[in-house]
């Protein structure tokens, strides 16, 4: 008789090097830190998950340190001795014990879904209703702030056939300099690829109106979250006036926010991220509300390793419409990964991984090399 019940939960902080500087509006980073999560059942089958934030707590309030602490101290006891296939009950129990902490909960849910897939010996997308696509076109972030370097980087990606869509991270420079940078890059790449921009909430409404007009004139196709996340009404005004597609990211994390966004049409697109929504099941609900509201879906990223990227791709493969693709590009930006089976990028698209669960296994030697603390913390029933 099989025993599906969860016997242990393990969390490990891992610091992975980036291939080059990644500049956000408020922070620069040369590393990507993740929390690796492993859930093992009483039969010894292990599911893996990943919780990751973009270079610390500035984006959503969680960091890898707080994620690990909340899982170890509060969330793990809600899971031990539970059947991983009763996922809704486990998630409900988590919500009663811990408010918020969507990144921590998403990482645990990922590990539980991977465990389900490994027990059932099927890919995760089968458990989610089955795939519609086998690949996803993905944008590449241009985020050094140096035009010549960014154009050269885009040229390399085009040559490799990895990415033919590019997104400029903005907000670290003053708006005029950022607009000039984006315009120069768009002109240099014109006719060969699509260019998008992401100011990461750094503009006010007056600045955004002027910037969007200028960016549209040079062919920028998407402007992501130009205003602070609280300003859905301002996003609605920009969306109604803009010839660029306006995308909301930070402004939509919860179902209530997505519902309001749909009611006032605060965006043309919504960036779906399983970390910010609290997991794949919650992301499905957000996606359904968006679709019903006439707002298109886009697969966003927090620069996950191959672990989180594989889970995102399993989910993305089940979505009916992703007209602008996404940006599940983390494995190409991380200089060294933890996966035995690195993600495959071909024909300018991420390919859906094969295998059970999310389709990725851990390289134990690399884990030993990059883990922050060599001592593993294990929580089990016997403990």
Foldseek 3Di string as FASTA:
>chain_A
DDWQAWFKKWKFKFKFAFPDWFAAQVDIDGIWIKIWMWIATPVGQIFIFIFGFQPACPQPNDHRVVLVVCCVPWLVVLRGRDRLVVVVSSVVSSCVGDPDQLRSLARVNLRSLLSVQVVVWFESLVVVPHFPDFWFFAAAEQGPLDLVVSLVVQVVCVVVLQAQEYEYRANNDPLVSRLVSLLVSLVSCPPRGAYEYEPPQRDDLVSVLVSQVSNVVSHHAEYENPHPLVPLVSLLVCCVPGPHFYEYESVDQAQVSLLVCLVSVSGQEYAQDQRSNRHLVSSVSSCVSCVVSNRAYEHEDSLDAQRRLLVSVSSVRHDDDHPPTYHSPNNVRGPDGFWPDGWDGHNSITGRADTTYSNTDGDVVVCCVGTPDNDMDMDGPVD
